[in-house]
Amino acid sequence: MFRRTSIVDEVKIGTMFYSSIFEIGDSSIIQGFSRALAVQREQETFYGNEGNFNIYPVFTQPIPLQPVEISIPMYTENLNPIIKVNHININGVSVASVVHIGSSNHVSMETRIKHIRQLFPKNKTQSVDR
């Protein structure tokens, strides 16, 4: 695989959140992984037995990856072995994300989030104003 050199004069990143990576240089493998439980309640209560990812199927089910079965003919000619950028301005890098300047062989990113909303039942006798 033909490699090119990346040249960046200046990078500005406003905010980087938890487990985010800013990497300069070539890498062989980048593998990002994030899990989160987002619980929204009308009353602020913590029961003490929450936070077990394994009880929610969204965290344990395998992700179905369909194999790529089509062949796309492609011809690439890199006339210049350098990618030159003057300035990169990034407002924010989210949780478990990667900003990478350089070449990578394999990249795999996975995020799984379970949103739970626990609301009080509505009063069935409550009238609706129109």
Protein backbone atom coordinates (compact mmCIF):
# COMPACT_ATOMS: atom_id res chain seq x y z
CA MET A 1 0.00 0.00 0.00
CA PHE A 2 1.36 3.39 -1.03
CA ARG A 3 1.83 5.73 1.93
CA ARG A 4 1.59 9.48 1.86
CA THR A 5 2.94 11.98 4.34
CA SER A 6 0.42 14.22 6.13
CA ILE A 7 1.55 17.76 6.97
CA VAL A 8 -0.68 19.99 9.11
CA ASP A 9 0.56 23.40 10.19
CA GLU A 10 -1.97 24.01 12.98
CA VAL A 11 -4.72 22.04 14.76
CA LYS A 12 -7.18 23.62 17.19
CA ILE A 13 -9.60 21.44 19.18
CA GLY A 14 -12.11 23.20 21.42
CA THR A 15 -13.22 20.25 23.57
CA MET A 16 -12.31 16.58 23.84
CA PHE A 17 -14.68 14.35 25.83
CA TYR A 18 -14.00 11.15 27.79
CA SER A 19 -11.91 8.44 26.11
CA SER A 20 -11.33 10.50 22.96
CA ILE A 21 -7.99 10.32 21.21
CA PHE A 22 -6.00 12.85 19.21
CA GLU A 23 -3.29 10.97 17.37
CA ILE A 24 -0.61 12.25 15.06
CA GLY A 25 1.29 9.67 13.03
CA ASP A 26 0.63 6.39 11.31
CA SER A 27 -1.14 3.52 13.05
CA SER A 28 -1.76 -0.09 12.27
CA ILE A 29 -5.05 -0.57 14.14
CA ILE A 30 -7.52 1.91 15.65
CA GLN A 31 -10.31 0.33 17.68
CA GLY A 32 -12.71 2.55 19.61
CA PHE A 33 -15.36 1.25 21.98
CA SER A 34 -17.92 3.01 24.18
CA ARG A 35 -20.93 1.92 26.26
CA ALA A 36 -23.39 4.18 28.06
CA LEU A 37 -26.64 4.01 30.00
CA ALA A 38 -28.67 7.21 29.69
CA VAL A 39 -31.42 7.24 32.33
CA GLN A 40 -33.94 10.07 32.42
CA ARG A 41 -36.31 10.28 35.38
CA GLU A 42 -38.91 12.73 36.57
CA GLN A 43 -37.67 12.14 40.12
CA GLU A 44 -33.97 12.02 40.98
CA THR A 45 -33.61 8.57 42.52
CA PHE A 46 -30.75 6.08 42.38
CA TYR A 47 -31.66 2.52 43.33
CA GLY A 48 -28.12 1.17 43.69
CA ASN A 49 -28.52 -1.85 41.40
CA GLU A 50 -28.28 0.05 38.15
CA GLY A 51 -25.40 0.11 35.73
CA ASN A 52 -25.10 -3.58 34.82
CA PHE A 53 -24.62 -3.50 31.04
CA ASN A 54 -25.08 -7.28 30.67
CA ILE A 55 -28.80 -7.20 31.56
CA TYR A 56 -29.57 -5.13 28.46
CA PRO A 57 -29.46 -7.05 25.16
CA VAL A 58 -28.25 -3.98 23.27
CA PHE A 59 -24.84 -4.45 24.92
CA THR A 60 -24.54 -8.22 24.41
CA GLN A 61 -26.04 -8.87 20.97
CA PRO A 62 -23.50 -9.21 18.19
CA ILE A 63 -23.53 -6.47 15.60
CA PRO A 64 -24.47 -7.95 12.22
CA LEU A 65 -21.80 -6.99 9.72
CA GLN A 66 -22.72 -7.79 6.16
CA PRO A 67 -19.78 -8.96 4.04
CA VAL A 68 -18.86 -6.77 1.11
CA GLU A 69 -19.48 -8.94 -1.92
CA ILE A 70 -19.12 -6.45 -4.73
CA SER A 71 -15.90 -5.63 -6.46
CA ILE A 72 -15.31 -2.04 -7.44
CA PRO A 73 -12.57 -1.51 -10.01
CA MET A 74 -10.43 1.43 -8.98
CA TYR A 75 -7.26 3.01 -10.25
CA THR A 76 -5.38 5.40 -7.97
CA GLU A 77 -2.46 7.54 -8.95
CA ASN A 78 -0.84 9.58 -6.18
CA LEU A 79 1.12 12.21 -8.06
CA ASN A 80 2.17 13.96 -4.87
CA PRO A 81 3.26 11.87 -1.84
CA ILE A 82 2.29 14.69 0.56
CA ILE A 83 -1.12 15.77 1.90
CA LYS A 84 -0.68 19.40 3.02
CA VAL A 85 -3.25 21.20 5.21
CA ASN A 86 -2.72 24.65 6.69
CA HIS A 87 -5.29 24.71 9.49
CA ILE A 88 -7.78 22.30 11.09
CA ASN A 89 -10.37 23.73 13.51
CA ILE A 90 -12.50 21.19 15.44
CA ASN A 91 -15.25 22.40 17.80
CA GLY A 92 -15.51 19.16 19.78
CA VAL A 93 -14.57 15.51 19.76
CA SER A 94 -17.28 13.30 21.24
CA VAL A 95 -16.99 10.34 23.60
CA ALA A 96 -14.67 7.55 22.37
CA SER A 97 -13.94 9.30 19.09
CA VAL A 98 -10.64 9.55 17.27
CA VAL A 99 -9.05 12.47 15.45
CA HIS A 100 -6.22 10.90 13.49
CA ILE A 101 -3.70 12.62 11.24
CA GLY A 102 -1.80 9.93 9.38
CA SER A 103 -2.38 6.57 7.74
CA SER A 104 -4.25 3.59 9.22
CA ASN A 105 -4.56 0.00 8.08
CA HIS A 106 -7.67 -1.04 10.06
CA VAL A 107 -10.24 1.12 11.84
CA SER A 108 -13.16 -0.23 13.89
CA MET A 109 -15.44 1.96 16.01
CA GLU A 110 -18.39 0.84 18.14
CA THR A 111 -20.75 2.76 20.43
CA ARG A 112 -23.73 1.25 22.23
CA ILE A 113 -26.16 3.42 24.18
CA LYS A 114 -29.29 2.36 26.07
CA HIS A 115 -31.73 5.22 26.64
CA ILE A 116 -34.18 4.67 29.51
CA ARG A 117 -36.98 7.08 30.32
CA GLN A 118 -38.81 6.51 33.60
CA LEU A 119 -41.80 8.84 33.77
CA PHE A 120 -44.71 8.97 36.17
CA PRO A 121 -47.97 7.56 34.76
CA LYS A 122 -50.35 10.19 33.45
CA ASN A 123 -53.59 10.71 35.39
CA LYS A 124 -56.33 9.13 33.26
CA THR A 125 -58.94 11.55 34.58
CA GLN A 126 -56.85 14.59 33.69
CA SER A 127 -58.60 16.84 31.17
CA VAL A 128 -56.85 18.10 28.09
CA ASP A 129 -57.06 21.84 27.29
CA ARG A 130 -57.43 22.59 23.60
